[in-house]
Amino acid sequence: MPLQLVKAQVVKASAKFGSTLRKSLAALAAFATAAAPIAAQAQGISTLRDAEIEQWLEDYSRPIFAAAGLNPKSIEIIIVNDPTFNAFAGGRYMGVNSGLFTFAKTPNEIEGVIAHEAGHLAGNHGARSAEAMANAGTPMLLGLLLAGAAIAAGSPEAGIGLLGLGQNIAIKDYLVYSRSQEATADQSSITYLNRLGKSTKGAMDIWSRMRNYQIITGQRVNPFLQSHPLANERFSALQTRAMESPYFNVQDSPEEIHRLHLIQAKIKGFLHDPLQTLRDYPLSDQSDPAHYARAVAYYRHSEIEKALKEIRTLTAEHPDNPYFNELEGQILFEYGHTNESIAPHRKTVELLPDNPLMRINLARALIASHEPDLIAEATIHLKRAVAKEKDNGFAWYELARAYAEQGETAKADLATAESRFQAGAHPDANHFARRALPGLERGTAEWRQAMDIILATQPAEGAPPLPSAQPAPQPLPSPQERQPQEKKTPDVPDPVVIDSN
């Protein structure tokens, strides 16, 4: 399950992105399902989990965050399932659309966008946006949030419609503030790229193409009804400073470009129409990205033999590529070749032992074998996965299955409770945690985990009383069990008798 679909709430103006609550939805070969906060339904967006893309973003983003003076480990990166060119940042989150990868021609172009978003994070623009919105007046706050989302998505008319004619001035004031933040982030991005010795040409190239796209498509959007400056305006503002960079002509290596092409092939294979993908990557193209894209397209089109032929061409040539092995294992697993899928999944864990998604893939295959030794192994992998990602509800669900297969009912109930908690289903979580509690040894980590879930999900009214958190009283030992008590040294020493003779 290389790539996961997720739902999450993004309200850029208030610098909040979703929550850590996650729930399993559905798996699509390399795409697996992730989660959705309950609170995100009104303004939810679909997001993705994929080990390969996440690692790419880690490798390219962390140095930029450090150059911006941010703690690289404190920023959570979100991949959004959206074909448009866009990215966002706020609080401790950065999100990038899948369309950013397919729109870009080089890794350096994406670096330019990441550096821009790092500028927002370093400038704490999310918090300041919230202040600007507050200044617009409390009655308008909800309208500003909804309209801002619509306008940022490229629908200024819809945004103004949400606000009503009498509120146009308020939204314009807010968006002027937002545009100034965008311009500041643009300038900051050049600074960060220069600190890393990275080219600033990618940022100029991608904005140049955006500018041309707006001209070709005849877009005539009022620039005062946008939260982001138009591409033409941004290009002009950045051009002089970017071209003055001593690193302007530094180019991405062929290996870096090849890596991006593989990710683009995967995204197109999974998110585009399979027949369109096969037209984009014809059989005459024998490159690695073409094999990769066709393997996914054939898989999605239920042509299993063709899919396996394509991916096995890659695993034969690149046996140590974990993502090729991952896709082969997923194709085999999804089409019922459970035992055969174990070997490629086991290979991915050997190559990437710290990646929780790889361990989850392997564990699913091991559980499906129904062999006790393999299910016991699956339990180990899943426990390591949830230790890395405690909010991964799908991993907890699979752990519950593994415990149930082994007859460990209390632990299965506890894992189910955690899975339901991460999905935001609090009544279910409370129910399963209560069911687990009597079978768990009081005072152990599992017992405390169940109590934590119960306390966190206890409704205000109408719920059973909370279980006692105090240790159970221990019975007194019988006379036969009592051991002779050693005489204690008295607090006052015995008197010393002195013979006067």
Protein backbone atom coordinates (compact mmCIF):
# COMPACT_ATOMS: atom_id res chain seq x y z
CA MET A 1 0.00 0.00 0.00
CA PRO A 2 2.37 2.64 -1.20
CA LEU A 3 -0.04 5.56 -1.33
CA GLN A 4 -2.87 6.46 1.02
CA LEU A 5 -5.92 8.65 0.55
CA VAL A 6 -6.70 10.93 3.49
CA LYS A 7 -9.16 13.64 4.42
CA ALA A 8 -7.99 16.68 6.32
CA GLN A 9 -9.19 20.18 7.09
CA VAL A 10 -7.18 23.13 5.87
CA VAL A 11 -8.04 26.64 6.98
CA LYS A 12 -5.08 28.67 5.82
CA ALA A 13 -6.17 31.92 7.41
CA SER A 14 -6.18 30.44 10.87
CA ALA A 15 -3.06 28.35 10.29
CA LYS A 16 -4.71 25.09 11.22
CA PHE A 17 -4.40 21.92 9.20
CA GLY A 18 -6.70 19.12 10.17
CA SER A 19 -5.81 16.99 13.15
CA THR A 20 -3.97 13.79 13.82
CA LEU A 21 -7.14 11.73 13.82
CA ARG A 22 -7.03 9.23 10.98
CA LYS A 23 -9.25 6.53 9.63
CA SER A 24 -8.75 3.80 7.08
CA LEU A 25 -10.71 4.21 3.87
CA ALA A 26 -9.64 1.99 0.94
CA ALA A 27 -6.43 0.69 -0.63
CA LEU A 28 -5.48 1.12 -4.27
CA ALA A 29 -2.31 -0.87 -4.93
CA ALA A 30 0.48 1.48 -4.14
CA PHE A 31 -2.08 3.92 -2.76
CA ALA A 32 -3.35 3.06 0.68
CA THR A 33 -5.92 4.86 2.69
CA ALA A 34 -5.39 7.16 5.51
CA ALA A 35 -7.46 9.26 7.61
CA ALA A 36 -9.92 11.95 8.10
CA PRO A 37 -10.66 14.11 11.04
CA ILE A 38 -14.34 14.26 11.80
CA ALA A 39 -14.17 18.05 12.09
CA ALA A 40 -12.99 18.33 8.50
CA GLN A 41 -16.16 17.36 6.71
CA ALA A 42 -17.23 20.88 5.79
CA GLN A 43 -13.93 21.92 4.23
CA GLY A 44 -12.26 18.55 3.84
CA ILE A 45 -9.68 17.74 1.23
CA SER A 46 -8.32 14.40 0.10
CA THR A 47 -4.70 13.75 0.97
CA LEU A 48 -2.24 10.97 0.16
CA ARG A 49 0.25 8.73 1.93
CA ASP A 50 3.10 7.26 -0.09
CA ALA A 51 6.50 6.19 1.22
CA GLU A 52 8.35 7.14 -1.97
CA ILE A 53 6.85 10.61 -2.35
CA GLU A 54 7.13 11.32 1.37
CA GLN A 55 10.82 10.42 1.33
CA TRP A 56 11.38 12.67 -1.68
CA LEU A 57 9.75 15.57 0.14
CA GLU A 58 11.75 14.82 3.28
CA ASP A 59 15.02 14.88 1.35
CA TYR A 60 14.28 18.16 -0.40
CA SER A 61 12.33 20.01 2.30
CA ARG A 62 14.34 19.45 5.46
CA PRO A 63 17.46 21.34 4.29
CA ILE A 64 15.27 24.25 3.19
CA PHE A 65 13.49 24.36 6.55
CA ALA A 66 16.87 24.44 8.28
CA ALA A 67 18.02 27.28 6.00
CA ALA A 68 14.88 29.18 7.00
CA GLY A 69 15.79 28.84 10.68
CA LEU A 70 13.04 26.30 11.36
CA ASN A 71 13.36 23.01 13.20
CA PRO A 72 13.23 20.56 10.26
CA LYS A 73 11.75 17.80 12.41
CA SER A 74 8.90 19.98 13.66
CA ILE A 75 7.19 20.43 10.28
CA GLU A 76 4.69 17.81 9.13
CA ILE A 77 4.43 17.48 5.35
CA ILE A 78 1.06 16.68 3.78
CA ILE A 79 0.47 15.46 0.21
CA VAL A 80 -2.87 16.64 -1.17
CA ASN A 81 -4.74 14.65 -3.79
CA ASP A 82 -5.38 17.55 -6.16
CA PRO A 83 -4.22 17.82 -9.80
CA THR A 84 -3.77 21.59 -9.66
CA PHE A 85 -0.51 23.41 -9.08
CA ASN A 86 -0.57 24.57 -5.48
CA ALA A 87 1.02 24.37 -2.03
CA PHE A 88 0.27 25.88 1.37
CA ALA A 89 1.80 26.22 4.82
CA GLY A 90 0.76 27.26 8.29
CA GLY A 91 1.49 26.44 11.91
CA ARG A 92 3.72 23.37 11.75
CA TYR A 93 2.33 21.96 8.50
CA MET A 94 3.26 22.23 4.85
CA GLY A 95 1.03 20.78 2.15
CA VAL A 96 1.78 20.20 -1.52
CA ASN A 97 -0.71 19.18 -4.20
CA SER A 98 -0.02 16.08 -6.28
CA GLY A 99 -0.38 18.43 -9.27
CA LEU A 100 2.77 20.24 -8.21
CA PHE A 101 4.78 17.12 -9.06
CA THR A 102 3.13 16.57 -12.44
CA PHE A 103 3.39 20.27 -13.36
CA ALA A 104 7.08 20.59 -12.49
CA LYS A 105 9.79 19.67 -14.98
CA THR A 106 12.72 19.57 -12.56
CA PRO A 107 13.23 19.01 -8.83
CA ASN A 108 14.57 22.55 -8.57
CA GLU A 109 11.19 23.95 -9.59
CA ILE A 110 9.56 22.17 -6.65
CA GLU A 111 12.38 23.35 -4.40
CA GLY A 112 11.41 26.91 -5.30
CA VAL A 113 7.84 26.27 -4.18
CA ILE A 114 8.96 24.56 -0.96
CA ALA A 115 11.27 27.50 -0.20
CA HIS A 116 8.33 29.85 -0.72
CA GLU A 117 6.20 27.90 1.77
CA ALA A 118 9.12 27.85 4.21
CA GLY A 119 8.98 31.64 4.00
CA HIS A 120 5.40 31.54 5.23
CA LEU A 121 6.34 29.25 8.11
CA ALA A 122 9.39 31.28 9.11
CA GLY A 123 7.34 34.48 8.96
CA ASN A 124 4.56 32.97 11.07
CA HIS A 125 2.15 34.22 8.43
CA GLY A 126 -0.61 31.86 9.50
CA ALA A 127 -0.91 33.46 12.92
CA ARG A 128 -0.75 36.92 11.45
CA SER A 129 -3.45 36.05 8.92
CA ALA A 130 -5.68 35.05 11.82
CA GLU A 131 -5.04 38.46 13.40
CA ALA A 132 -5.88 40.24 10.15
CA MET A 133 -9.13 38.31 9.88
CA ALA A 134 -10.03 39.10 13.48
CA ASN A 135 -9.64 42.78 12.69
CA ALA A 136 -12.31 42.42 10.00
CA GLY A 137 -14.95 41.90 12.68
CA THR A 138 -16.40 38.87 14.41
CA PRO A 139 -19.67 38.72 12.38
CA MET A 140 -17.68 38.42 9.15
CA LEU A 141 -15.25 35.78 10.38
CA LEU A 142 -17.10 32.73 9.06
CA GLY A 143 -17.77 34.43 5.75
CA LEU A 144 -14.11 35.35 5.41
CA LEU A 145 -13.03 31.77 6.03
CA LEU A 146 -15.42 30.35 3.43
CA ALA A 147 -14.80 33.10 0.88
CA GLY A 148 -11.05 32.95 1.37
CA ALA A 149 -11.09 29.23 0.62
CA ALA A 150 -13.15 29.78 -2.53
CA ILE A 151 -10.98 32.63 -3.77
CA ALA A 152 -7.74 30.78 -3.07
CA ALA A 153 -9.17 27.90 -5.12
CA GLY A 154 -9.57 30.24 -8.09
CA SER A 155 -13.26 31.12 -7.71
CA PRO A 156 -13.33 34.80 -6.73
CA GLU A 157 -16.94 35.23 -7.86
CA ALA A 158 -18.04 32.39 -5.59
CA GLY A 159 -16.09 33.93 -2.73
CA ILE A 160 -17.70 37.30 -3.13
CA GLY A 161 -21.07 35.58 -3.39
CA LEU A 162 -20.46 33.92 -0.03
CA LEU A 163 -19.61 37.23 1.55
CA GLY A 164 -22.39 39.32 0.10
CA LEU A 165 -21.95 42.64 -1.66
CA GLY A 166 -21.81 44.67 1.55
CA GLN A 167 -18.69 42.80 2.74
CA ASN A 168 -16.51 43.29 -0.33
CA ILE A 169 -14.34 45.90 1.36
CA ALA A 170 -13.53 43.59 4.27
CA ILE A 171 -12.42 40.70 2.05
CA LYS A 172 -10.37 43.03 -0.14
CA ASP A 173 -8.57 44.39 2.91
CA TYR A 174 -7.77 40.86 4.07
CA LEU A 175 -6.55 39.74 0.65
CA VAL A 176 -4.26 42.75 0.29
CA TYR A 177 -2.65 41.61 3.54
CA SER A 178 -2.38 38.06 2.16
CA ARG A 179 -0.77 39.26 -1.07
CA SER A 180 1.90 41.10 0.89
CA GLN A 181 2.70 37.85 2.71
CA GLU A 182 3.06 36.04 -0.61
CA ALA A 183 5.48 38.65 -1.88
CA THR A 184 7.52 38.38 1.33
CA ALA A 185 7.62 34.60 1.07
CA ASP A 186 8.81 34.88 -2.54
CA GLN A 187 11.75 37.04 -1.52
CA SER A 188 12.55 34.76 1.42
CA SER A 189 12.64 31.75 -0.89
CA ILE A 190 15.54 33.27 -2.84
CA THR A 191 17.43 33.81 0.42
CA TYR A 192 17.00 30.18 1.51
CA LEU A 193 18.01 28.75 -1.87
CA ASN A 194 21.12 30.92 -1.91
CA ARG A 195 22.07 29.70 1.58
CA LEU A 196 21.97 26.12 0.30
CA GLY A 197 23.78 26.83 -2.96
CA LYS A 198 20.62 25.89 -4.86
CA SER A 199 19.58 27.41 -8.15
CA THR A 200 16.88 30.07 -8.18
CA LYS A 201 16.16 29.33 -11.83
CA GLY A 202 13.56 26.68 -11.01
CA ALA A 203 11.39 29.20 -9.18
CA MET A 204 11.57 31.55 -12.17
CA ASP A 205 10.84 28.75 -14.64
CA ILE A 206 7.74 27.57 -12.85
CA TRP A 207 6.33 31.08 -12.43
CA SER A 208 7.12 31.82 -16.06
CA ARG A 209 5.04 28.82 -17.13
CA MET A 210 2.23 29.87 -14.81
CA ARG A 211 2.30 33.35 -16.31
CA ASN A 212 2.16 31.93 -19.84
CA TYR A 213 -0.70 29.63 -18.84
CA GLN A 214 -2.72 32.57 -17.59
CA ILE A 215 -2.10 34.44 -20.83
CA ILE A 216 -2.85 31.47 -23.11
CA THR A 217 -6.05 30.52 -21.30
CA GLY A 218 -7.20 34.11 -21.37
CA GLN A 219 -7.66 34.39 -17.63
CA ARG A 220 -8.80 37.86 -16.70
CA VAL A 221 -8.94 37.63 -12.93
CA ASN A 222 -9.11 40.80 -10.89
CA PRO A 223 -5.78 40.76 -9.00
CA PHE A 224 -7.46 42.46 -6.05
CA LEU A 225 -9.74 39.43 -5.61
CA GLN A 226 -6.91 36.93 -5.13
CA SER A 227 -4.99 35.84 -2.08
CA HIS A 228 -1.91 35.12 -4.23
CA PRO A 229 -0.42 37.68 -6.65
CA LEU A 230 -0.80 36.82 -10.33
CA ALA A 231 2.07 34.84 -11.83
CA ASN A 232 3.07 37.76 -14.07
CA GLU A 233 3.36 40.08 -11.08
CA ARG A 234 5.37 37.55 -9.08
CA PHE A 235 7.67 36.80 -11.98
CA SER A 236 8.54 40.46 -12.48
CA ALA A 237 9.16 41.03 -8.78
CA LEU A 238 11.53 38.06 -8.49
CA GLN A 239 13.35 38.10 -11.80
CA THR A 240 16.11 40.58 -11.05
CA ARG A 241 17.08 39.16 -7.66
CA ALA A 242 16.88 35.56 -8.78
CA MET A 243 19.13 36.11 -11.79
CA GLU A 244 21.71 37.81 -9.61
CA SER A 245 22.20 34.61 -7.60
CA PRO A 246 25.65 33.01 -8.08
CA TYR A 247 23.87 29.63 -8.16
CA PHE A 248 21.34 30.55 -10.84
CA ASN A 249 22.76 28.13 -13.43
CA VAL A 250 23.30 25.18 -11.08
CA GLN A 251 21.41 22.24 -12.59
CA ASP A 252 19.77 19.15 -11.16
CA SER A 253 21.72 15.95 -11.79
CA PRO A 254 20.35 13.30 -14.18
CA GLU A 255 19.78 11.05 -11.16
CA GLU A 256 17.66 13.71 -9.43
CA ILE A 257 15.58 14.28 -12.57
CA HIS A 258 15.15 10.51 -13.03
CA ARG A 259 13.89 10.21 -9.46
CA LEU A 260 11.28 12.91 -10.08
CA HIS A 261 10.20 11.22 -13.32
CA LEU A 262 9.53 8.01 -11.40
CA ILE A 263 7.30 9.85 -8.93
CA GLN A 264 5.48 11.57 -11.76
CA ALA A 265 4.90 8.20 -13.43
CA LYS A 266 3.50 6.75 -10.21
CA ILE A 267 1.14 9.68 -9.63
CA LYS A 268 -0.14 9.57 -13.21
CA GLY A 269 -0.55 5.81 -13.03
CA PHE A 270 -2.68 5.97 -9.91
CA LEU A 271 -4.54 9.24 -10.29
CA HIS A 272 -5.07 9.56 -14.05
CA ASP A 273 -7.28 7.45 -16.26
CA PRO A 274 -5.44 4.14 -16.95
CA LEU A 275 -6.05 4.33 -20.69
CA GLN A 276 -4.67 7.87 -20.77
CA THR A 277 -1.61 6.70 -18.83
CA LEU A 278 -1.01 3.93 -21.37
CA ARG A 279 -1.21 6.49 -24.16
CA ASP A 280 1.23 8.77 -22.34
CA TYR A 281 3.65 5.87 -21.76
CA PRO A 282 3.41 3.66 -24.89
CA LEU A 283 5.12 0.27 -25.15
CA SER A 284 7.76 1.83 -27.38
CA ASP A 285 9.01 3.69 -24.27
CA GLN A 286 11.21 1.26 -22.35
CA SER A 287 12.39 3.72 -19.70
CA ASP A 288 12.02 2.99 -15.99
CA PRO A 289 9.27 5.63 -15.53
CA ALA A 290 7.31 4.12 -18.43
CA HIS A 291 7.48 0.61 -16.96
CA TYR A 292 6.43 2.04 -13.60
CA ALA A 293 3.43 3.94 -15.00
CA ARG A 294 2.27 1.01 -17.13
CA ALA A 295 2.54 -1.41 -14.20
CA VAL A 296 0.15 0.76 -12.20
CA ALA A 297 -2.19 1.39 -15.15
CA TYR A 298 -2.43 -2.32 -15.98
CA TYR A 299 -3.03 -3.09 -12.31
CA ARG A 300 -5.87 -0.59 -12.13
CA HIS A 301 -7.26 -2.00 -15.38
CA SER A 302 -7.21 -5.53 -13.86
CA GLU A 303 -4.62 -6.80 -16.32
CA ILE A 304 -2.60 -8.57 -13.66
CA GLU A 305 -0.17 -10.47 -15.88
CA LYS A 306 0.79 -7.36 -17.81
CA ALA A 307 1.15 -5.41 -14.57
CA LEU A 308 3.46 -8.04 -13.08
CA LYS A 309 5.53 -8.20 -16.26
CA GLU A 310 6.12 -4.45 -16.16
CA ILE A 311 7.02 -4.23 -12.47
CA ARG A 312 9.18 -7.35 -12.57
CA THR A 313 11.19 -5.78 -15.35
CA LEU A 314 12.05 -3.07 -12.84
CA THR A 315 12.67 -5.33 -9.84
CA ALA A 316 14.97 -7.49 -11.96
CA GLU A 317 17.03 -4.47 -13.02
CA HIS A 318 16.82 -2.68 -9.65
CA PRO A 319 16.44 -5.39 -6.97
CA ASP A 320 17.31 -2.96 -4.17
CA ASN A 321 14.67 -0.37 -5.04
CA PRO A 322 12.16 -0.69 -2.17
CA TYR A 323 9.34 1.06 -4.03
CA PHE A 324 9.45 -1.30 -7.01
CA ASN A 325 9.33 -4.26 -4.61
CA GLU A 326 6.50 -2.58 -2.74
CA LEU A 327 4.37 -2.26 -5.86
CA GLU A 328 5.02 -5.87 -6.89
CA GLY A 329 3.98 -7.06 -3.43
CA GLN A 330 0.87 -4.90 -3.48
CA ILE A 331 -0.25 -6.14 -6.89
CA LEU A 332 0.19 -9.76 -5.79
CA PHE A 333 -1.61 -9.17 -2.50
CA GLU A 334 -4.57 -7.34 -3.99
CA TYR A 335 -5.13 -10.08 -6.56
CA GLY A 336 -5.09 -12.91 -4.05
CA HIS A 337 -1.49 -14.15 -4.37
CA THR A 338 -1.02 -13.66 -0.63
CA ASN A 339 1.87 -15.99 0.10
CA GLU A 340 3.71 -14.88 -3.03
CA SER A 341 3.39 -11.24 -1.95
CA ILE A 342 5.28 -11.83 1.30
CA ALA A 343 8.76 -12.01 -0.28
CA PRO A 344 8.69 -8.60 -2.03
CA HIS A 345 7.10 -6.99 1.02
CA ARG A 346 9.73 -8.54 3.26
CA LYS A 347 12.37 -7.11 0.93
CA THR A 348 10.98 -3.59 1.39
CA VAL A 349 11.27 -3.88 5.17
CA GLU A 350 14.85 -5.08 4.84
CA LEU A 351 15.63 -2.05 2.67
CA LEU A 352 13.64 0.48 4.71
CA PRO A 353 13.40 -0.89 8.26
CA ASP A 354 12.35 2.44 9.76
CA ASN A 355 9.41 3.02 7.43
CA PRO A 356 6.08 2.17 9.12
CA LEU A 357 4.13 1.90 5.86
CA MET A 358 6.41 -0.88 4.63
CA ARG A 359 5.91 -2.83 7.86
CA ILE A 360 2.14 -2.46 7.58
CA ASN A 361 2.21 -3.86 4.04
CA LEU A 362 4.21 -6.88 5.14
CA ALA A 363 2.03 -7.44 8.20
CA ARG A 364 -1.14 -7.51 6.11
CA ALA A 365 0.31 -10.24 3.93
CA LEU A 366 1.53 -12.22 6.94
CA ILE A 367 -1.88 -12.06 8.64
CA ALA A 368 -3.61 -13.20 5.46
CA SER A 369 -1.46 -16.35 5.47
CA HIS A 370 -3.32 -17.57 8.63
CA GLU A 371 -0.10 -19.26 9.76
CA PRO A 372 0.51 -18.77 13.51
CA ASP A 373 4.24 -18.07 13.24
CA LEU A 374 3.70 -15.49 10.49
CA ILE A 375 0.87 -13.82 12.39
CA ALA A 376 3.14 -13.54 15.43
CA GLU A 377 5.73 -11.88 13.18
CA ALA A 378 3.04 -9.53 11.83
CA THR A 379 2.29 -8.43 15.39
CA ILE A 380 5.90 -7.37 15.86
CA HIS A 381 5.89 -5.34 12.64
CA LEU A 382 2.62 -3.62 13.50
CA LYS A 383 3.76 -2.75 17.01
CA ARG A 384 6.83 -1.11 15.52
CA ALA A 385 4.64 0.72 13.00
CA VAL A 386 2.31 2.21 15.63
CA ALA A 387 5.32 3.14 17.74
CA LYS A 388 6.39 5.34 14.81
CA GLU A 389 2.88 6.52 13.89
CA LYS A 390 0.54 6.29 16.84
CA ASP A 391 -2.20 8.07 14.89
CA ASN A 392 -2.24 5.49 12.07
CA GLY A 393 -5.69 4.00 12.57
CA PHE A 394 -5.21 1.46 9.80
CA ALA A 395 -2.14 0.03 11.52
CA TRP A 396 -4.10 -0.30 14.79
CA TYR A 397 -6.90 -2.06 12.91
CA GLU A 398 -4.46 -4.58 11.45
CA LEU A 399 -2.90 -5.08 14.89
CA ALA A 400 -6.36 -5.85 16.27
CA ARG A 401 -6.76 -8.51 13.59
CA ALA A 402 -3.39 -10.03 14.46
CA TYR A 403 -4.24 -10.21 18.17
CA ALA A 404 -7.65 -11.71 17.40
CA GLU A 405 -6.03 -14.42 15.25
CA GLN A 406 -3.83 -15.29 18.22
CA GLY A 407 -6.73 -15.42 20.68
CA GLU A 408 -5.59 -12.33 22.63
CA THR A 409 -9.05 -10.87 22.92
CA ALA A 410 -8.30 -8.06 25.38
CA LYS A 411 -5.39 -6.76 23.31
CA ALA A 412 -7.51 -7.05 20.16
CA ASP A 413 -10.21 -4.94 21.81
CA LEU A 414 -7.62 -2.41 22.92
CA ALA A 415 -6.14 -2.09 19.41
CA THR A 416 -9.66 -1.74 18.02
CA ALA A 417 -10.35 1.01 20.55
CA GLU A 418 -7.21 2.86 19.44
CA SER A 419 -8.17 2.43 15.78
CA ARG A 420 -11.63 3.84 16.41
CA PHE A 421 -10.19 6.66 18.48
CA GLN A 422 -7.86 7.68 15.65
CA ALA A 423 -10.85 7.59 13.30
CA GLY A 424 -12.69 10.01 15.55
CA ALA A 425 -15.35 7.43 16.46
CA HIS A 426 -15.24 8.17 20.18
CA PRO A 427 -18.28 6.14 21.33
CA ASP A 428 -16.84 3.03 19.66
CA ALA A 429 -13.42 3.73 21.12
CA ASN A 430 -14.89 4.06 24.60
CA HIS A 431 -16.85 0.84 24.20
CA PHE A 432 -13.89 -1.27 23.06
CA ALA A 433 -11.53 0.21 25.66
CA ARG A 434 -14.00 -0.72 28.42
CA ARG A 435 -14.29 -4.19 26.96
CA ALA A 436 -10.52 -4.57 26.95
CA LEU A 437 -9.91 -3.30 30.48
CA PRO A 438 -10.91 -6.40 32.52
CA GLY A 439 -8.53 -8.59 30.51
CA LEU A 440 -5.52 -6.31 30.99
CA GLU A 441 -3.23 -6.47 33.97
CA ARG A 442 -3.82 -3.43 36.13
CA GLY A 443 -1.02 -0.89 36.04
CA THR A 444 0.56 -2.16 32.80
CA ALA A 445 1.15 0.07 29.76
CA GLU A 446 -1.82 -1.54 27.98
CA TRP A 447 -4.09 -0.97 30.99
CA ARG A 448 -3.09 2.69 31.15
CA GLN A 449 -3.64 3.02 27.39
CA ALA A 450 -7.21 1.71 27.77
CA MET A 451 -7.85 4.08 30.67
CA ASP A 452 -6.51 7.01 28.65
CA ILE A 453 -8.90 6.23 25.79
CA ILE A 454 -11.84 5.90 28.18
CA LEU A 455 -11.05 9.21 29.87
CA ALA A 456 -10.55 10.97 26.51
CA THR A 457 -13.81 9.70 25.06
CA GLN A 458 -16.09 9.78 28.11
CA PRO A 459 -19.26 11.71 27.22
CA ALA A 460 -20.47 14.35 29.63
CA GLU A 461 -23.76 12.60 30.34
CA GLY A 462 -25.36 9.21 30.02
CA ALA A 463 -22.18 7.11 30.16
CA PRO A 464 -21.33 4.31 32.57
CA PRO A 465 -19.20 5.39 35.52
CA LEU A 466 -15.48 5.56 34.96
CA PRO A 467 -13.48 2.52 36.03
CA SER A 468 -11.34 3.00 39.09
CA ALA A 469 -7.83 4.07 38.29
CA GLN A 470 -6.59 2.97 41.71
CA PRO A 471 -4.74 -0.34 42.06
CA ALA A 472 -6.97 -3.17 43.24
CA PRO A 473 -6.61 -3.96 46.95
CA GLN A 474 -4.40 -6.95 47.55
CA PRO A 475 -5.67 -9.70 49.93
CA LEU A 476 -3.74 -10.18 53.16
CA PRO A 477 -1.51 -13.25 53.21
CA SER A 478 -2.72 -16.25 55.15
CA PRO A 479 -0.89 -17.24 58.37
CA GLN A 480 0.83 -20.07 56.49
CA GLU A 481 2.11 -17.61 53.86
CA ARG A 482 3.48 -15.18 56.38
CA GLN A 483 7.20 -15.19 56.78
CA PRO A 484 8.89 -14.72 60.20
CA GLN A 485 9.62 -11.07 60.70
CA GLU A 486 13.17 -10.09 61.40
CA LYS A 487 13.68 -7.95 64.49
CA LYS A 488 14.17 -4.35 63.50
CA THR A 489 16.93 -2.24 64.93
CA PRO A 490 15.30 0.05 67.53
CA ASP A 491 15.33 3.77 67.03
CA VAL A 492 17.04 4.17 70.44
CA PRO A 493 20.02 1.92 71.18
CA ASP A 494 19.95 -0.39 74.18
CA PRO A 495 21.55 1.11 77.24
CA VAL A 496 25.12 0.15 77.92
CA VAL A 497 25.73 -1.32 81.42
CA ILE A 498 29.05 -0.22 82.90
CA ASP A 499 30.50 -2.32 85.69
CA SER A 500 31.57 0.08 88.42
CA ASN A 501 33.92 -2.56 89.83
